[in-house]
Amino acid sequence: MRDAWSVGYACKREVFIATGKTLGAARVAAFNSEIALREIERIEPGDCRLVGAIDPNGAWSFEEAGYL
């Protein structure tokens, strides 16, 4: 998605990407996806982890993902 943040999450065997105009909005969208996965896949809290973020310019950001 152009002009937006994208965040990638891994939850056990499931991987998903959420987007938003801001990093915060992308994380909220990811949180909502994680809640849905918990209900469908019976994933426990803590089973999901942020694996990376892509800023609106297309740069991969480990710092925004909390790795730095």
N, C-alpha and C. Protein backbone atom coordinates (compact mmCIF):
# COMPACT_ATOMS: atom_id res chain seq x y z
N MET A 1 0.86 -1.18 0.00
CA MET A 1 0.00 0.00 0.00
C MET A 1 0.89 1.23 0.00
N ARG A 2 0.69 2.11 -0.92
CA ARG A 2 1.51 3.30 -1.05
C ARG A 2 1.07 4.37 -0.05
N ASP A 3 2.05 5.15 0.43
CA ASP A 3 1.78 6.23 1.39
C ASP A 3 1.17 5.72 2.69
N ALA A 4 1.57 4.54 3.11
CA ALA A 4 1.07 3.98 4.37
C ALA A 4 2.15 3.09 4.98
N TRP A 5 1.99 2.82 6.24
CA TRP A 5 2.85 1.87 6.94
C TRP A 5 2.30 0.47 6.76
N SER A 6 3.18 -0.50 6.70
CA SER A 6 2.79 -1.91 6.71
C SER A 6 3.57 -2.59 7.82
N VAL A 7 2.91 -3.44 8.57
CA VAL A 7 3.59 -4.21 9.62
C VAL A 7 3.30 -5.69 9.38
N GLY A 8 4.32 -6.50 9.57
CA GLY A 8 4.17 -7.94 9.39
C GLY A 8 4.25 -8.65 10.73
N TYR A 9 3.34 -9.58 10.95
CA TYR A 9 3.28 -10.35 12.19
C TYR A 9 3.31 -11.84 11.87
N ALA A 10 3.89 -12.60 12.76
CA ALA A 10 3.86 -14.06 12.68
C ALA A 10 3.20 -14.58 13.95
N CYS A 11 2.20 -15.44 13.76
CA CYS A 11 1.47 -16.05 14.87
C CYS A 11 1.45 -17.55 14.64
N LYS A 12 2.37 -18.24 15.28
CA LYS A 12 2.52 -19.68 15.04
C LYS A 12 2.69 -19.93 13.56
N ARG A 13 1.73 -20.61 12.92
CA ARG A 13 1.83 -20.93 11.49
C ARG A 13 1.24 -19.85 10.60
N GLU A 14 0.57 -18.88 11.18
CA GLU A 14 -0.08 -17.82 10.41
C GLU A 14 0.81 -16.59 10.33
N VAL A 15 0.85 -15.99 9.15
CA VAL A 15 1.59 -14.75 8.93
C VAL A 15 0.62 -13.77 8.28
N PHE A 16 0.65 -12.52 8.72
CA PHE A 16 -0.22 -11.53 8.11
C PHE A 16 0.44 -10.16 8.10
N ILE A 17 -0.06 -9.32 7.20
CA ILE A 17 0.41 -7.96 7.06
C ILE A 17 -0.79 -7.04 7.27
N ALA A 18 -0.58 -5.99 8.04
CA ALA A 18 -1.63 -4.99 8.27
C ALA A 18 -1.09 -3.64 7.83
N THR A 19 -1.96 -2.77 7.36
CA THR A 19 -1.54 -1.46 6.88
C THR A 19 -2.34 -0.36 7.56
N GLY A 20 -1.76 0.83 7.54
CA GLY A 20 -2.45 2.00 8.07
C GLY A 20 -1.71 3.26 7.66
N LYS A 21 -2.39 4.38 7.66
CA LYS A 21 -1.77 5.64 7.28
C LYS A 21 -0.61 6.02 8.20
N THR A 22 -0.69 5.61 9.46
CA THR A 22 0.39 5.84 10.42
C THR A 22 0.84 4.49 10.98
N LEU A 23 1.99 4.49 11.62
CA LEU A 23 2.47 3.26 12.23
C LEU A 23 1.48 2.79 13.30
N GLY A 24 0.95 3.73 14.06
CA GLY A 24 -0.03 3.38 15.09
C GLY A 24 -1.28 2.75 14.50
N ALA A 25 -1.77 3.31 13.40
CA ALA A 25 -2.97 2.76 12.76
C ALA A 25 -2.70 1.36 12.21
N ALA A 26 -1.50 1.14 11.68
CA ALA A 26 -1.15 -0.20 11.18
C ALA A 26 -1.09 -1.20 12.33
N ARG A 27 -0.56 -0.78 13.47
CA ARG A 27 -0.50 -1.68 14.63
C ARG A 27 -1.89 -1.99 15.18
N VAL A 28 -2.79 -1.01 15.15
CA VAL A 28 -4.18 -1.25 15.58
C VAL A 28 -4.83 -2.27 14.65
N ALA A 29 -4.63 -2.11 13.34
CA ALA A 29 -5.19 -3.06 12.38
C ALA A 29 -4.62 -4.46 12.62
N ALA A 30 -3.32 -4.54 12.93
CA ALA A 30 -2.69 -5.83 13.22
C ALA A 30 -3.27 -6.43 14.50
N PHE A 31 -3.50 -5.61 15.50
CA PHE A 31 -4.07 -6.10 16.75
C PHE A 31 -5.46 -6.70 16.51
N ASN A 32 -6.25 -6.02 15.68
CA ASN A 32 -7.58 -6.55 15.35
C ASN A 32 -7.48 -7.88 14.62
N SER A 33 -6.51 -8.01 13.73
CA SER A 33 -6.29 -9.29 13.03
C SER A 33 -5.86 -10.37 14.02
N GLU A 34 -5.02 -9.99 14.97
CA GLU A 34 -4.56 -10.96 15.98
C GLU A 34 -5.73 -11.45 16.82
N ILE A 35 -6.65 -10.56 17.18
CA ILE A 35 -7.83 -10.96 17.95
C ILE A 35 -8.65 -11.98 17.16
N ALA A 36 -8.84 -11.71 15.87
CA ALA A 36 -9.60 -12.64 15.03
C ALA A 36 -8.90 -13.99 14.95
N LEU A 37 -7.57 -13.99 14.82
CA LEU A 37 -6.83 -15.25 14.78
C LEU A 37 -6.96 -16.02 16.09
N ARG A 38 -6.98 -15.31 17.20
CA ARG A 38 -7.14 -15.98 18.50
C ARG A 38 -8.46 -16.73 18.56
N GLU A 39 -9.50 -16.12 18.01
CA GLU A 39 -10.82 -16.75 18.04
C GLU A 39 -10.90 -17.93 17.07
N ILE A 40 -10.30 -17.81 15.91
CA ILE A 40 -10.38 -18.85 14.88
C ILE A 40 -9.38 -19.97 15.12
N GLU A 41 -8.12 -19.61 15.37
CA GLU A 41 -7.03 -20.58 15.47
C GLU A 41 -6.68 -20.97 16.90
N ARG A 42 -7.33 -20.35 17.86
CA ARG A 42 -7.05 -20.59 19.29
C ARG A 42 -5.58 -20.28 19.62
N ILE A 43 -5.10 -19.18 19.07
CA ILE A 43 -3.74 -18.72 19.35
C ILE A 43 -3.76 -18.00 20.69
N GLU A 44 -2.79 -18.28 21.52
CA GLU A 44 -2.69 -17.67 22.84
C GLU A 44 -1.99 -16.32 22.77
N PRO A 45 -2.30 -15.41 23.70
CA PRO A 45 -1.55 -14.16 23.76
C PRO A 45 -0.06 -14.47 23.91
N GLY A 46 0.74 -13.74 23.21
CA GLY A 46 2.18 -13.98 23.26
C GLY A 46 2.67 -14.88 22.15
N ASP A 47 1.75 -15.53 21.43
CA ASP A 47 2.14 -16.39 20.32
C ASP A 47 2.44 -15.59 19.06
N CYS A 48 2.06 -14.32 19.03
CA CYS A 48 2.29 -13.47 17.87
C CYS A 48 3.47 -12.54 18.14
N ARG A 49 4.23 -12.29 17.06
CA ARG A 49 5.35 -11.36 17.20
C ARG A 49 5.46 -10.50 15.96
N LEU A 50 5.82 -9.26 16.18
CA LEU A 50 6.05 -8.32 15.10
C LEU A 50 7.38 -8.68 14.43
N VAL A 51 7.37 -8.90 13.14
CA VAL A 51 8.60 -9.29 12.45
C VAL A 51 9.22 -8.16 11.64
N GLY A 52 8.47 -7.11 11.40
CA GLY A 52 9.04 -5.98 10.67
C GLY A 52 8.00 -4.96 10.29
N ALA A 53 8.49 -3.81 9.87
CA ALA A 53 7.61 -2.73 9.43
C ALA A 53 8.19 -2.12 8.17
N ILE A 54 7.31 -1.68 7.29
CA ILE A 54 7.73 -1.01 6.07
C ILE A 54 7.12 0.38 6.11
N ASP A 55 7.98 1.40 6.01
CA ASP A 55 7.49 2.77 6.10
C ASP A 55 6.87 3.21 4.77
N PRO A 56 6.24 4.39 4.74
CA PRO A 56 5.56 4.84 3.52
C PRO A 56 6.48 5.00 2.31
N ASN A 57 7.78 5.09 2.53
CA ASN A 57 8.73 5.20 1.43
C ASN A 57 9.22 3.86 0.93
N GLY A 58 8.76 2.78 1.56
CA GLY A 58 9.14 1.44 1.13
C GLY A 58 10.37 0.88 1.83
N ALA A 59 10.87 1.58 2.83
CA ALA A 59 12.06 1.11 3.56
C ALA A 59 11.65 0.16 4.68
N TRP A 60 12.33 -0.97 4.76
CA TRP A 60 12.12 -1.96 5.81
C TRP A 60 12.69 -1.40 7.10
N SER A 61 11.97 -1.46 8.16
CA SER A 61 12.42 -0.85 9.42
C SER A 61 12.37 -1.87 10.56
N PHE A 62 13.56 -2.32 10.97
CA PHE A 62 13.63 -3.17 12.14
C PHE A 62 13.48 -2.34 13.41
N GLU A 63 13.93 -1.07 13.35
CA GLU A 63 13.83 -0.21 14.54
C GLU A 63 12.37 -0.01 14.92
N GLU A 64 11.49 0.28 13.95
CA GLU A 64 10.09 0.47 14.24
C GLU A 64 9.45 -0.83 14.71
N ALA A 65 10.02 -1.96 14.31
CA ALA A 65 9.49 -3.25 14.73
C ALA A 65 9.98 -3.61 16.12
N GLY A 66 10.86 -2.80 16.70
CA GLY A 66 11.32 -3.06 18.05
C GLY A 66 12.56 -3.93 18.14
N TYR A 67 13.29 -4.10 17.05
CA TYR A 67 14.47 -4.95 17.08
C TYR A 67 15.74 -4.17 17.41
N LEU A 68 15.72 -2.84 17.34
CA LEU A 68 16.90 -2.04 17.66
C LEU A 68 16.67 -1.24 18.92
